[in-house]
Amino acid sequence: MPKFLIQATYTPEGTKGLLNEGASGRRDAVDLVVAGLGGRVEAMYFAFGEDDIVLIVDFPDPVSMAAVSLTVKASGALRTRATPLLTIDEIDEAARRQVNFRAPGPGAGRA
């Protein structure tokens, strides 16, 4: 199942909601959303600094991740970014694939 790193920052309105509902209430809401699309929350942490919340989630496909991302962003409560996470085996497979690529510019060789 594809795995994603989600980093999010609460907007002022989202922060008010977190203060009213608490971290456990937000965890329950996240679990409900992710499970509703056939996924699983592997880890969820609150943080301070650039990101307010960091999650690692599994979804059955990237479209499910996109659906959650669009819905959450449309709420206006959070600014989010999702990064696909690849296993060591997936990178090994990618490294074995032949890619016909020529860098831009004069005299650039093939890589």
N, C-alpha and C. Protein backbone atom coordinates (compact mmCIF):
# COMPACT_ATOMS: atom_id res chain seq x y z
N MET A 1 0.86 -1.17 0.00
CA MET A 1 0.00 0.00 0.00
C MET A 1 0.91 1.23 0.00
N PRO A 2 0.66 2.20 -0.88
CA PRO A 2 1.48 3.41 -0.91
C PRO A 2 1.45 4.16 0.42
N LYS A 3 2.61 4.67 0.79
CA LYS A 3 2.79 5.37 2.06
C LYS A 3 3.10 6.83 1.76
N PHE A 4 2.58 7.73 2.59
CA PHE A 4 2.76 9.17 2.39
C PHE A 4 3.15 9.85 3.69
N LEU A 5 4.04 10.83 3.57
CA LEU A 5 4.37 11.73 4.66
C LEU A 5 3.50 12.96 4.47
N ILE A 6 2.73 13.33 5.47
CA ILE A 6 1.90 14.53 5.40
C ILE A 6 2.40 15.51 6.45
N GLN A 7 2.68 16.73 6.00
CA GLN A 7 3.10 17.81 6.89
C GLN A 7 2.06 18.91 6.75
N ALA A 8 1.60 19.43 7.87
CA ALA A 8 0.52 20.41 7.82
C ALA A 8 0.74 21.52 8.84
N THR A 9 0.20 22.67 8.48
CA THR A 9 0.23 23.84 9.34
C THR A 9 -1.21 24.32 9.51
N TYR A 10 -1.62 24.50 10.75
CA TYR A 10 -2.97 25.00 11.00
C TYR A 10 -3.06 26.48 10.65
N THR A 11 -4.18 26.86 10.06
CA THR A 11 -4.50 28.28 9.90
C THR A 11 -5.02 28.77 11.26
N PRO A 12 -5.20 30.08 11.44
CA PRO A 12 -5.75 30.55 12.71
C PRO A 12 -7.09 29.87 13.05
N GLU A 13 -7.96 29.69 12.07
CA GLU A 13 -9.24 29.03 12.33
C GLU A 13 -9.05 27.58 12.72
N GLY A 14 -8.12 26.89 12.04
CA GLY A 14 -7.83 25.51 12.38
C GLY A 14 -7.26 25.37 13.78
N THR A 15 -6.42 26.32 14.18
CA THR A 15 -5.84 26.30 15.52
C THR A 15 -6.93 26.47 16.57
N LYS A 16 -7.90 27.34 16.31
CA LYS A 16 -9.02 27.51 17.24
C LYS A 16 -9.77 26.20 17.40
N GLY A 17 -9.97 25.49 16.30
CA GLY A 17 -10.65 24.19 16.36
C GLY A 17 -9.85 23.18 17.17
N LEU A 18 -8.53 23.17 16.99
CA LEU A 18 -7.68 22.27 17.76
C LEU A 18 -7.76 22.59 19.24
N LEU A 19 -7.73 23.87 19.59
CA LEU A 19 -7.82 24.26 20.99
C LEU A 19 -9.16 23.84 21.61
N ASN A 20 -10.24 23.92 20.84
CA ASN A 20 -11.56 23.54 21.34
C ASN A 20 -11.72 22.03 21.48
N GLU A 21 -11.14 21.29 20.54
CA GLU A 21 -11.41 19.86 20.43
C GLU A 21 -10.30 19.00 21.02
N GLY A 22 -9.09 19.54 21.12
CA GLY A 22 -7.96 18.79 21.65
C GLY A 22 -7.32 17.88 20.62
N ALA A 23 -6.11 17.45 20.95
CA ALA A 23 -5.35 16.61 20.03
C ALA A 23 -6.01 15.25 19.81
N SER A 24 -6.57 14.67 20.85
CA SER A 24 -7.20 13.36 20.69
C SER A 24 -8.43 13.44 19.80
N GLY A 25 -9.13 14.55 19.84
CA GLY A 25 -10.27 14.74 18.94
C GLY A 25 -9.83 14.83 17.49
N ARG A 26 -8.71 15.50 17.26
CA ARG A 26 -8.20 15.59 15.89
C ARG A 26 -7.71 14.22 15.42
N ARG A 27 -7.07 13.46 16.31
CA ARG A 27 -6.60 12.11 15.94
C ARG A 27 -7.78 11.25 15.53
N ASP A 28 -8.87 11.31 16.28
CA ASP A 28 -10.06 10.54 15.93
C ASP A 28 -10.59 10.94 14.56
N ALA A 29 -10.59 12.25 14.28
CA ALA A 29 -11.08 12.74 12.98
C ALA A 29 -10.19 12.26 11.85
N VAL A 30 -8.88 12.30 12.05
CA VAL A 30 -7.93 11.83 11.03
C VAL A 30 -8.12 10.33 10.79
N ASP A 31 -8.20 9.56 11.86
CA ASP A 31 -8.41 8.11 11.71
C ASP A 31 -9.67 7.80 10.91
N LEU A 32 -10.73 8.54 11.18
CA LEU A 32 -11.99 8.32 10.49
C LEU A 32 -11.86 8.60 8.99
N VAL A 33 -11.22 9.70 8.64
CA VAL A 33 -11.04 10.07 7.23
C VAL A 33 -10.18 9.03 6.51
N VAL A 34 -9.05 8.70 7.09
CA VAL A 34 -8.11 7.78 6.44
C VAL A 34 -8.72 6.38 6.31
N ALA A 35 -9.32 5.88 7.38
CA ALA A 35 -9.94 4.55 7.34
C ALA A 35 -11.11 4.52 6.35
N GLY A 36 -11.82 5.63 6.23
CA GLY A 36 -12.94 5.71 5.31
C GLY A 36 -12.55 5.52 3.85
N LEU A 37 -11.28 5.74 3.55
CA LEU A 37 -10.79 5.53 2.19
C LEU A 37 -9.90 4.29 2.09
N GLY A 38 -10.01 3.42 3.11
CA GLY A 38 -9.27 2.16 3.07
C GLY A 38 -7.83 2.28 3.52
N GLY A 39 -7.47 3.38 4.20
CA GLY A 39 -6.10 3.58 4.61
C GLY A 39 -5.89 3.33 6.09
N ARG A 40 -4.66 3.64 6.54
CA ARG A 40 -4.28 3.43 7.92
C ARG A 40 -3.29 4.51 8.33
N VAL A 41 -3.46 5.07 9.53
CA VAL A 41 -2.51 6.04 10.07
C VAL A 41 -1.41 5.25 10.77
N GLU A 42 -0.19 5.35 10.27
CA GLU A 42 0.93 4.66 10.91
C GLU A 42 1.47 5.47 12.09
N ALA A 43 1.56 6.78 11.90
CA ALA A 43 2.07 7.65 12.97
C ALA A 43 1.47 9.03 12.81
N MET A 44 1.26 9.70 13.95
CA MET A 44 0.75 11.08 13.94
C MET A 44 1.38 11.81 15.10
N TYR A 45 2.03 12.92 14.79
CA TYR A 45 2.70 13.72 15.81
C TYR A 45 2.33 15.18 15.65
N PHE A 46 2.17 15.85 16.77
CA PHE A 46 2.04 17.29 16.76
C PHE A 46 3.43 17.86 16.96
N ALA A 47 3.68 19.02 16.38
CA ALA A 47 5.00 19.63 16.43
C ALA A 47 4.85 21.13 16.57
N PHE A 48 5.95 21.81 16.74
CA PHE A 48 5.94 23.27 16.67
C PHE A 48 7.12 23.68 15.81
N GLY A 49 6.98 24.81 15.19
CA GLY A 49 7.95 25.25 14.19
C GLY A 49 7.20 25.47 12.89
N GLU A 50 7.81 25.06 11.79
CA GLU A 50 7.18 25.25 10.48
C GLU A 50 5.92 24.40 10.33
N ASP A 51 5.94 23.18 10.86
CA ASP A 51 4.79 22.28 10.77
C ASP A 51 4.14 22.12 12.14
N ASP A 52 2.81 22.03 12.15
CA ASP A 52 2.08 21.80 13.38
C ASP A 52 1.75 20.33 13.59
N ILE A 53 1.70 19.58 12.50
CA ILE A 53 1.34 18.17 12.57
C ILE A 53 2.08 17.42 11.47
N VAL A 54 2.53 16.21 11.81
CA VAL A 54 3.25 15.36 10.86
C VAL A 54 2.63 13.96 10.97
N LEU A 55 2.31 13.39 9.82
CA LEU A 55 1.69 12.07 9.80
C LEU A 55 2.38 11.18 8.78
N ILE A 56 2.35 9.89 9.03
CA ILE A 56 2.68 8.89 8.02
C ILE A 56 1.44 8.04 7.86
N VAL A 57 0.93 8.00 6.64
CA VAL A 57 -0.31 7.26 6.37
C VAL A 57 -0.12 6.32 5.19
N ASP A 58 -0.88 5.23 5.21
CA ASP A 58 -0.96 4.30 4.09
C ASP A 58 -2.32 4.48 3.44
N PHE A 59 -2.32 4.57 2.11
CA PHE A 59 -3.56 4.61 1.35
C PHE A 59 -3.51 3.54 0.27
N PRO A 60 -4.67 3.05 -0.16
CA PRO A 60 -4.67 2.02 -1.19
C PRO A 60 -4.12 2.51 -2.54
N ASP A 61 -4.17 3.83 -2.77
CA ASP A 61 -3.70 4.37 -4.05
C ASP A 61 -3.48 5.88 -3.91
N PRO A 62 -2.72 6.47 -4.84
CA PRO A 62 -2.48 7.91 -4.77
C PRO A 62 -3.74 8.76 -4.94
N VAL A 63 -4.74 8.25 -5.62
CA VAL A 63 -5.98 8.99 -5.81
C VAL A 63 -6.67 9.22 -4.46
N SER A 64 -6.62 8.25 -3.58
CA SER A 64 -7.19 8.42 -2.24
C SER A 64 -6.48 9.52 -1.48
N MET A 65 -5.15 9.56 -1.60
CA MET A 65 -4.38 10.63 -0.95
C MET A 65 -4.76 11.98 -1.53
N ALA A 66 -4.92 12.05 -2.83
CA ALA A 66 -5.31 13.30 -3.48
C ALA A 66 -6.70 13.75 -3.03
N ALA A 67 -7.61 12.81 -2.87
CA ALA A 67 -8.97 13.15 -2.43
C ALA A 67 -8.94 13.77 -1.03
N VAL A 68 -8.16 13.17 -0.13
CA VAL A 68 -8.05 13.73 1.22
C VAL A 68 -7.40 15.11 1.16
N SER A 69 -6.34 15.23 0.40
CA SER A 69 -5.62 16.50 0.29
C SER A 69 -6.53 17.62 -0.20
N LEU A 70 -7.29 17.35 -1.24
CA LEU A 70 -8.20 18.37 -1.78
C LEU A 70 -9.26 18.77 -0.76
N THR A 71 -9.83 17.79 -0.09
CA THR A 71 -10.89 18.07 0.88
C THR A 71 -10.36 18.87 2.07
N VAL A 72 -9.20 18.48 2.58
CA VAL A 72 -8.62 19.18 3.74
C VAL A 72 -8.24 20.60 3.35
N LYS A 73 -7.61 20.77 2.20
CA LYS A 73 -7.22 22.12 1.77
C LYS A 73 -8.44 23.00 1.54
N ALA A 74 -9.50 22.43 0.99
CA ALA A 74 -10.72 23.21 0.74
C ALA A 74 -11.38 23.69 2.03
N SER A 75 -11.12 22.99 3.14
CA SER A 75 -11.71 23.40 4.41
C SER A 75 -11.15 24.72 4.91
N GLY A 76 -9.92 25.04 4.50
CA GLY A 76 -9.27 26.26 4.95
C GLY A 76 -8.67 26.16 6.34
N ALA A 77 -8.76 24.99 6.98
CA ALA A 77 -8.25 24.83 8.34
C ALA A 77 -6.76 24.52 8.39
N LEU A 78 -6.23 23.99 7.29
CA LEU A 78 -4.83 23.58 7.26
C LEU A 78 -4.21 23.88 5.90
N ARG A 79 -2.93 24.12 5.92
CA ARG A 79 -2.12 24.11 4.70
C ARG A 79 -1.29 22.84 4.77
N THR A 80 -1.37 22.02 3.73
CA THR A 80 -0.73 20.71 3.79
C THR A 80 0.17 20.46 2.60
N ARG A 81 1.08 19.50 2.79
CA ARG A 81 1.83 18.95 1.67
C ARG A 81 2.01 17.47 1.93
N ALA A 82 1.88 16.69 0.88
CA ALA A 82 2.01 15.23 0.99
C ALA A 82 3.17 14.78 0.12
N THR A 83 4.01 13.94 0.67
CA THR A 83 5.17 13.42 -0.03
C THR A 83 5.05 11.91 -0.11
N PRO A 84 5.08 11.34 -1.33
CA PRO A 84 5.07 9.88 -1.43
C PRO A 84 6.37 9.33 -0.84
N LEU A 85 6.25 8.26 -0.09
CA LEU A 85 7.42 7.60 0.50
C LEU A 85 7.65 6.27 -0.22
N LEU A 86 8.88 6.03 -0.60
CA LEU A 86 9.23 4.82 -1.35
C LEU A 86 10.10 3.91 -0.49
N THR A 87 9.91 2.62 -0.65
CA THR A 87 10.71 1.65 0.08
C THR A 87 12.08 1.50 -0.57
N ILE A 88 12.98 0.86 0.12
CA ILE A 88 14.30 0.58 -0.43
C ILE A 88 14.17 -0.28 -1.68
N ASP A 89 13.30 -1.28 -1.65
CA ASP A 89 13.10 -2.14 -2.82
C ASP A 89 12.58 -1.35 -4.02
N GLU A 90 11.69 -0.39 -3.77
CA GLU A 90 11.17 0.41 -4.88
C GLU A 90 12.27 1.27 -5.50
N ILE A 91 13.15 1.83 -4.70
CA ILE A 91 14.25 2.61 -5.24
C ILE A 91 15.23 1.72 -5.98
N ASP A 92 15.50 0.52 -5.44
CA ASP A 92 16.37 -0.42 -6.16
C ASP A 92 15.79 -0.75 -7.53
N GLU A 93 14.47 -0.97 -7.59
CA GLU A 93 13.82 -1.25 -8.88
C GLU A 93 13.95 -0.04 -9.81
N ALA A 94 13.74 1.14 -9.29
CA ALA A 94 13.87 2.36 -10.12
C ALA A 94 15.29 2.51 -10.64
N ALA A 95 16.28 2.20 -9.84
CA ALA A 95 17.67 2.33 -10.25
C ALA A 95 18.03 1.35 -11.37
N ARG A 96 17.34 0.22 -11.45
CA ARG A 96 17.60 -0.77 -12.50
C ARG A 96 16.94 -0.43 -13.83
N ARG A 97 15.97 0.45 -13.82
CA ARG A 97 15.26 0.79 -15.07
C ARG A 97 16.11 1.70 -15.94
N GLN A 98 16.09 1.43 -17.22
CA GLN A 98 16.81 2.24 -18.19
C GLN A 98 15.97 3.47 -18.55
N VAL A 99 16.61 4.63 -18.52
CA VAL A 99 15.93 5.87 -18.85
C VAL A 99 16.75 6.56 -19.93
N ASN A 100 16.12 6.84 -21.07
CA ASN A 100 16.78 7.53 -22.16
C ASN A 100 16.61 9.03 -21.93
N PHE A 101 17.67 9.69 -21.48
CA PHE A 101 17.59 11.10 -21.11
C PHE A 101 18.81 11.84 -21.63
N ARG A 102 18.58 13.04 -22.14
CA ARG A 102 19.67 13.92 -22.55
C ARG A 102 19.50 15.22 -21.79
N ALA A 103 20.53 15.64 -21.09
CA ALA A 103 20.47 16.90 -20.36
C ALA A 103 20.35 18.06 -21.33
N PRO A 104 19.72 19.16 -20.93
CA PRO A 104 19.60 20.31 -21.82
C PRO A 104 20.94 21.01 -22.02
N GLY A 105 21.04 21.72 -23.12
CA GLY A 105 22.23 22.53 -23.37
C GLY A 105 23.14 21.89 -24.41
N PRO A 106 23.98 22.73 -25.03
CA PRO A 106 24.90 22.23 -26.05
C PRO A 106 25.97 21.34 -25.43
N GLY A 107 26.29 20.32 -26.14
CA GLY A 107 27.37 19.42 -25.73
C GLY A 107 27.03 18.52 -24.56
N ALA A 108 25.77 18.53 -24.14
CA ALA A 108 25.40 17.69 -23.01
C ALA A 108 25.36 16.24 -23.44
N GLY A 109 25.95 15.41 -22.67
CA GLY A 109 25.97 13.97 -22.98
C GLY A 109 24.71 13.30 -22.49
N ARG A 110 24.60 12.06 -22.85
CA ARG A 110 23.46 11.26 -22.37
C ARG A 110 23.78 10.71 -21.00
N ALA A 111 22.77 10.72 -20.17
CA ALA A 111 22.96 10.17 -18.81
C ALA A 111 22.17 8.90 -18.66
